[in-house]
């Protein structure tokens, strides 16, 4: 294989929203456990520094990619819902600011090639770390507000999304110096992991919750080359689905990027 190594680096603006939903027995004002679920929603919009390398090794075309988004102030919510045996529904939670920083890495390998199509498989990991700030807490009983206050209880969360993916690359030449490429990939086997630390409530404990899901991603890349240098405009989007209703991760991402290539 004679594929030339190509390095790309640039920036990407992302609109990113995700929500975790987990069901587990708990209690609000009873001495015994009752049906309960909690939901955490995050607004993780950010500007990313991204990079990518395409190269050949051992007769295989490889792509290594990564990105980093510095911590920035955004917003998040964290609500618990309890279903007591007498029919009472209690909803308790906070809405407020959160400092969210993210990074991702990925590796994929091309496993088949035709003149107008490449087939690849790979793995990608994305991590989002959030520090909750002062939150406005509300408590409702059967929809009636019974308490509202600001809370400073410390809370840190870490979200991991593991994707085992496969996809296709479709090159569409649009001129001698321009190239249009479509990437379509799916990860029918993906895992979301939410780790929660509440040092004021549970010192030294790391509460972990898992969600089995699938994801799909599409990317449109328009590139221009002039000599050894070039640039690329990238638009992409991804979304997720879950295989049940008890433990889910719902995520929608849309991005626009500009990269310099060599």
Protein backbone atom coordinates (compact mmCIF):
# COMPACT_ATOMS: atom_id res chain seq x y z
CA UNK A 1 0.00 0.00 0.00
CA UNK A 2 1.34 3.41 -1.01
CA UNK A 3 -1.08 5.69 0.87
CA UNK A 4 0.72 8.92 1.73
CA UNK A 5 0.58 10.11 5.31
CA UNK A 6 -1.68 13.13 5.75
CA UNK A 7 -1.92 15.27 8.86
CA UNK A 8 -4.91 17.51 9.59
CA UNK A 9 -5.40 19.97 12.45
CA UNK A 10 -8.04 22.60 13.05
CA UNK A 11 -11.01 23.78 15.11
CA UNK A 12 -14.61 22.64 15.33
CA UNK A 13 -17.67 24.27 16.88
CA UNK A 14 -20.09 21.75 18.36
CA UNK A 15 -23.67 21.93 19.56
CA UNK A 16 -23.88 19.01 22.00
CA UNK A 17 -26.78 18.01 24.27
CA UNK A 18 -27.02 14.75 26.22
CA UNK A 19 -29.26 13.26 28.91
CA UNK A 20 -28.73 10.22 31.13
CA UNK A 21 -31.77 8.41 32.60
CA UNK A 22 -31.32 5.65 35.19
CA UNK A 23 -33.85 3.69 37.22
CA UNK A 24 -32.95 2.29 40.63
CA UNK A 25 -34.81 1.87 43.96
CA UNK A 26 -34.33 4.76 46.38
CA UNK A 27 -36.27 6.82 48.91
CA UNK A 28 -37.03 10.45 49.69
CA UNK A 29 -39.06 10.42 52.91
CA UNK A 30 -39.72 6.73 53.55
CA UNK A 31 -37.75 4.18 55.56
CA UNK A 32 -37.90 1.72 52.67
CA UNK A 33 -36.92 1.84 49.00
CA UNK A 34 -39.47 2.84 46.36
CA UNK A 35 -39.41 2.97 42.55
CA UNK A 36 -37.21 5.87 41.48
CA UNK A 37 -35.33 7.30 38.54
CA UNK A 38 -32.96 10.19 38.06
CA UNK A 39 -32.09 12.23 35.00
CA UNK A 40 -29.09 14.43 34.33
CA UNK A 41 -29.06 16.69 31.29
CA UNK A 42 -26.04 18.61 30.01
CA UNK A 43 -25.48 21.43 27.54
CA UNK A 44 -21.94 20.64 26.38
CA UNK A 45 -21.58 23.09 23.48
CA UNK A 46 -17.93 23.98 22.96
CA UNK A 47 -15.07 24.89 20.60
CA UNK A 48 -12.75 21.95 19.94
CA UNK A 49 -9.13 21.68 18.85
CA UNK A 50 -9.13 18.61 16.61
CA UNK A 51 -6.54 16.58 14.75
CA UNK A 52 -6.36 13.59 12.45
CA UNK A 53 -3.68 11.45 10.82
CA UNK A 54 -4.23 9.12 7.85
CA UNK A 55 -1.43 6.66 7.16
CA UNK A 56 -0.60 3.11 6.06
CA UNK A 57 0.97 0.39 8.20
CA UNK A 58 1.13 -3.40 7.80
CA UNK A 59 -0.80 -3.15 4.55
CA UNK A 60 -3.76 -1.38 6.19
CA UNK A 61 -4.92 2.22 5.89
CA UNK A 62 -5.33 3.67 9.39
CA UNK A 63 -6.91 6.84 10.74
CA UNK A 64 -6.06 8.18 14.20
CA UNK A 65 -8.12 11.13 15.42
CA UNK A 66 -8.52 13.14 18.58
CA UNK A 67 -9.89 16.34 20.03
CA UNK A 68 -9.85 18.52 23.12
CA UNK A 69 -12.38 21.06 24.37
CA UNK A 70 -11.30 23.20 27.35
CA UNK A 71 -13.52 23.52 30.36
CA UNK A 72 -16.17 26.20 29.96
CA UNK A 73 -19.19 27.33 31.97
CA UNK A 74 -22.48 25.95 30.72
CA UNK A 75 -25.61 24.50 32.32
CA UNK A 76 -26.88 21.17 33.60
CA UNK A 77 -29.82 19.71 35.50
CA UNK A 78 -30.06 16.83 37.98
CA UNK A 79 -33.54 15.61 39.03
CA UNK A 80 -34.76 12.61 41.07
CA UNK A 81 -38.32 11.28 40.85
CA UNK A 82 -39.76 9.02 43.58
CA UNK A 83 -43.00 6.99 43.38
CA UNK A 84 -44.31 6.29 46.90
CA UNK A 85 -46.80 3.45 47.57
CA UNK A 86 -49.59 5.90 48.50
CA UNK A 87 -49.49 7.43 45.04
CA UNK A 88 -47.37 10.42 45.99
CA UNK A 89 -44.84 11.48 43.35
CA UNK A 90 -41.91 13.52 44.64
CA UNK A 91 -39.57 15.31 42.24
CA UNK A 92 -36.43 16.84 43.72
CA UNK A 93 -33.51 18.33 41.84
CA UNK A 94 -31.36 21.23 40.80
CA UNK A 95 -30.88 23.47 37.79
CA UNK A 96 -27.77 25.56 37.48
CA UNK A 97 -24.33 26.14 36.08
CA UNK A 98 -21.70 23.53 35.40
CA UNK A 99 -18.13 23.72 34.19
CA UNK A 100 -17.77 21.14 31.38
CA UNK A 101 -14.56 20.03 29.63
CA UNK A 102 -14.21 17.21 27.08
CA UNK A 103 -11.78 15.12 25.06
CA UNK A 104 -11.99 12.29 22.56
CA UNK A 105 -9.75 9.79 20.74
CA UNK A 106 -10.47 7.37 17.95
CA UNK A 107 -8.79 4.71 15.83
CA UNK A 108 -10.13 3.09 12.71
CA UNK A 109 -8.84 0.70 10.04
CA UNK A 110 -9.94 0.31 6.44
CA UNK A 111 -10.85 -3.33 5.87
CA UNK A 112 -12.02 -3.18 2.23
CA UNK A 113 -11.54 -0.81 -0.69
CA UNK A 114 -13.32 -0.33 -4.00
CA UNK A 115 -12.78 2.57 -6.40
CA UNK A 116 -15.85 4.37 -5.12
CA UNK A 117 -16.14 2.98 -1.59
CA UNK A 118 -14.04 2.25 1.50
CA UNK A 119 -15.21 0.12 4.41
CA UNK A 120 -13.75 0.62 7.88
CA UNK A 121 -14.12 -0.45 11.46
CA UNK A 122 -12.84 1.13 14.66
CA UNK A 123 -13.29 2.40 18.18
CA UNK A 124 -13.87 5.85 19.67
CA UNK A 125 -13.89 7.14 23.25
CA UNK A 126 -15.32 10.46 24.37
CA UNK A 127 -15.07 11.77 27.95
CA UNK A 128 -16.93 14.76 29.42
CA UNK A 129 -16.09 15.95 32.93
CA UNK A 130 -18.48 18.30 34.72
CA UNK A 131 -18.23 20.24 37.96
CA UNK A 132 -21.62 21.46 39.18
CA UNK A 133 -21.77 25.01 40.50
CA UNK A 134 -24.38 26.60 42.78
CA UNK A 135 -27.74 25.14 41.82
CA UNK A 136 -31.33 26.17 42.37
CA UNK A 137 -33.10 23.24 44.00
CA UNK A 138 -36.84 22.64 43.85
CA UNK A 139 -39.01 19.96 45.46
CA UNK A 140 -42.52 19.21 44.21
CA UNK A 141 -45.11 16.78 45.59
CA UNK A 142 -47.71 15.69 43.04
CA UNK A 143 -46.74 18.68 40.94
CA UNK A 144 -47.06 21.25 43.74
CA UNK A 145 -43.94 23.20 44.70
CA UNK A 146 -43.15 22.67 48.39
CA UNK A 147 -39.58 23.93 48.65
CA UNK A 148 -37.07 26.01 46.71
CA UNK A 149 -33.56 27.01 47.69
CA UNK A 150 -29.99 27.39 46.43
CA UNK A 151 -27.60 24.55 47.19
CA UNK A 152 -23.80 24.44 47.23
CA UNK A 153 -23.40 20.68 47.70
CA UNK A 154 -20.40 19.61 45.63
CA UNK A 155 -21.02 17.30 42.69
CA UNK A 156 -18.64 16.12 39.97
CA UNK A 157 -19.57 13.79 37.13
CA UNK A 158 -17.65 12.02 34.40
CA UNK A 159 -19.38 10.74 31.27
CA UNK A 160 -17.71 8.16 29.03
CA UNK A 161 -19.05 7.08 25.66
CA UNK A 162 -17.39 3.98 24.17
CA UNK A 163 -18.29 3.30 20.51
CA UNK A 164 -17.37 0.14 18.56
CA UNK A 165 -18.10 1.31 15.04
CA UNK A 166 -18.20 0.32 11.40
CA UNK A 167 -18.84 2.49 8.37
CA UNK A 168 -18.16 3.49 4.80
CA UNK A 169 -16.27 6.32 3.10
CA UNK A 170 -17.58 7.54 -0.25
CA UNK A 171 -15.26 9.87 -2.21
CA UNK A 172 -16.94 12.19 -4.71
CA UNK A 173 -14.42 14.13 -6.87
CA UNK A 174 -15.65 17.60 -7.78
CA UNK A 175 -12.60 18.89 -9.63
CA UNK A 176 -8.85 18.53 -9.98
CA UNK A 177 -8.15 20.31 -6.69
CA UNK A 178 -11.39 19.72 -4.80
CA UNK A 179 -12.68 16.52 -3.22
CA UNK A 180 -15.98 15.81 -1.50
CA UNK A 181 -16.09 12.89 0.95
CA UNK A 182 -19.04 11.39 2.80
CA UNK A 183 -18.48 9.25 5.89
CA UNK A 184 -21.36 7.23 7.34
CA UNK A 185 -20.82 5.09 10.42
CA UNK A 186 -22.84 3.21 13.01
CA UNK A 187 -21.93 1.81 16.40
CA UNK A 188 -24.67 -0.72 17.24
CA UNK A 189 -22.58 -1.70 20.26
CA UNK A 190 -21.87 1.33 22.43
CA UNK A 191 -21.62 1.90 26.15
CA UNK A 192 -22.32 5.03 28.16
CA UNK A 193 -20.90 5.26 31.67
CA UNK A 194 -21.81 8.01 34.13
CA UNK A 195 -19.69 8.30 37.29
CA UNK A 196 -20.98 10.62 40.02
CA UNK A 197 -19.02 11.94 42.99
CA UNK A 198 -20.86 13.61 45.89
CA UNK A 199 -18.10 14.16 48.47
CA UNK A 200 -20.37 16.04 50.90
CA UNK A 201 -22.96 13.23 50.93
CA UNK A 202 -20.91 10.12 50.16
CA UNK A 203 -17.23 10.79 50.97
CA UNK A 204 -14.82 8.60 49.03
CA UNK A 205 -17.54 6.93 46.95
CA UNK A 206 -17.77 6.84 43.17
CA UNK A 207 -21.33 6.04 42.02
CA UNK A 208 -21.26 4.47 38.54
CA UNK A 209 -24.16 3.80 36.15
CA UNK A 210 -24.08 2.05 32.76
CA UNK A 211 -26.21 2.41 29.65
CA UNK A 212 -26.18 0.13 26.60
CA UNK A 213 -26.96 1.98 23.39
CA UNK A 214 -26.18 2.52 19.73
CA UNK A 215 -24.98 5.56 17.81
CA UNK A 216 -24.87 6.81 14.24
CA UNK A 217 -22.66 9.51 12.74
CA UNK A 218 -22.54 11.25 9.39
CA UNK A 219 -19.82 13.56 8.09
CA UNK A 220 -19.48 15.70 4.97
CA UNK A 221 -15.96 16.90 4.11
CA UNK A 222 -15.04 19.33 1.35
CA UNK A 223 -11.27 19.56 0.81
CA UNK A 224 -9.00 21.54 -1.48
CA UNK A 225 -5.36 20.70 -2.14
CA UNK A 226 -2.67 22.96 -3.58
CA UNK A 227 0.78 21.40 -3.65
CA UNK A 228 1.49 19.80 -0.29
CA UNK A 229 -0.95 22.01 1.65
CA UNK A 230 -4.69 22.20 1.71
CA UNK A 231 -7.72 22.82 3.85
CA UNK A 232 -11.01 21.12 4.58
CA UNK A 233 -14.46 22.25 5.64
CA UNK A 234 -16.30 19.65 7.71
CA UNK A 235 -19.94 19.31 8.78
CA UNK A 236 -20.99 16.39 10.95
CA UNK A 237 -23.77 15.15 13.17
CA UNK A 238 -24.44 12.20 15.45
CA UNK A 239 -27.28 10.80 17.49
CA UNK A 240 -27.93 7.84 19.78
CA UNK A 241 -30.61 5.31 20.61
CA UNK A 242 -31.07 3.02 23.60
CA UNK A 243 -32.14 -0.60 23.79
CA UNK A 244 -34.44 -0.15 26.78
CA UNK A 245 -36.18 2.52 28.84
CA UNK A 246 -34.59 1.92 32.25
CA UNK A 247 -30.98 2.99 31.65
CA UNK A 248 -30.53 5.29 28.69
CA UNK A 249 -28.26 7.89 27.15
CA UNK A 250 -29.81 10.29 24.66
CA UNK A 251 -27.24 12.38 22.77
CA UNK A 252 -27.42 14.71 19.76
CA UNK A 253 -24.35 16.48 18.34
CA UNK A 254 -23.92 18.81 15.37
CA UNK A 255 -20.60 20.37 14.36
CA UNK A 256 -18.86 22.61 11.84
CA UNK A 257 -15.08 22.60 11.47
CA UNK A 258 -12.15 24.01 9.53
CA UNK A 259 -8.89 22.07 9.17
CA UNK A 260 -5.50 22.70 7.61
CA UNK A 261 -4.02 19.65 5.88
CA UNK A 262 -0.49 18.62 5.00
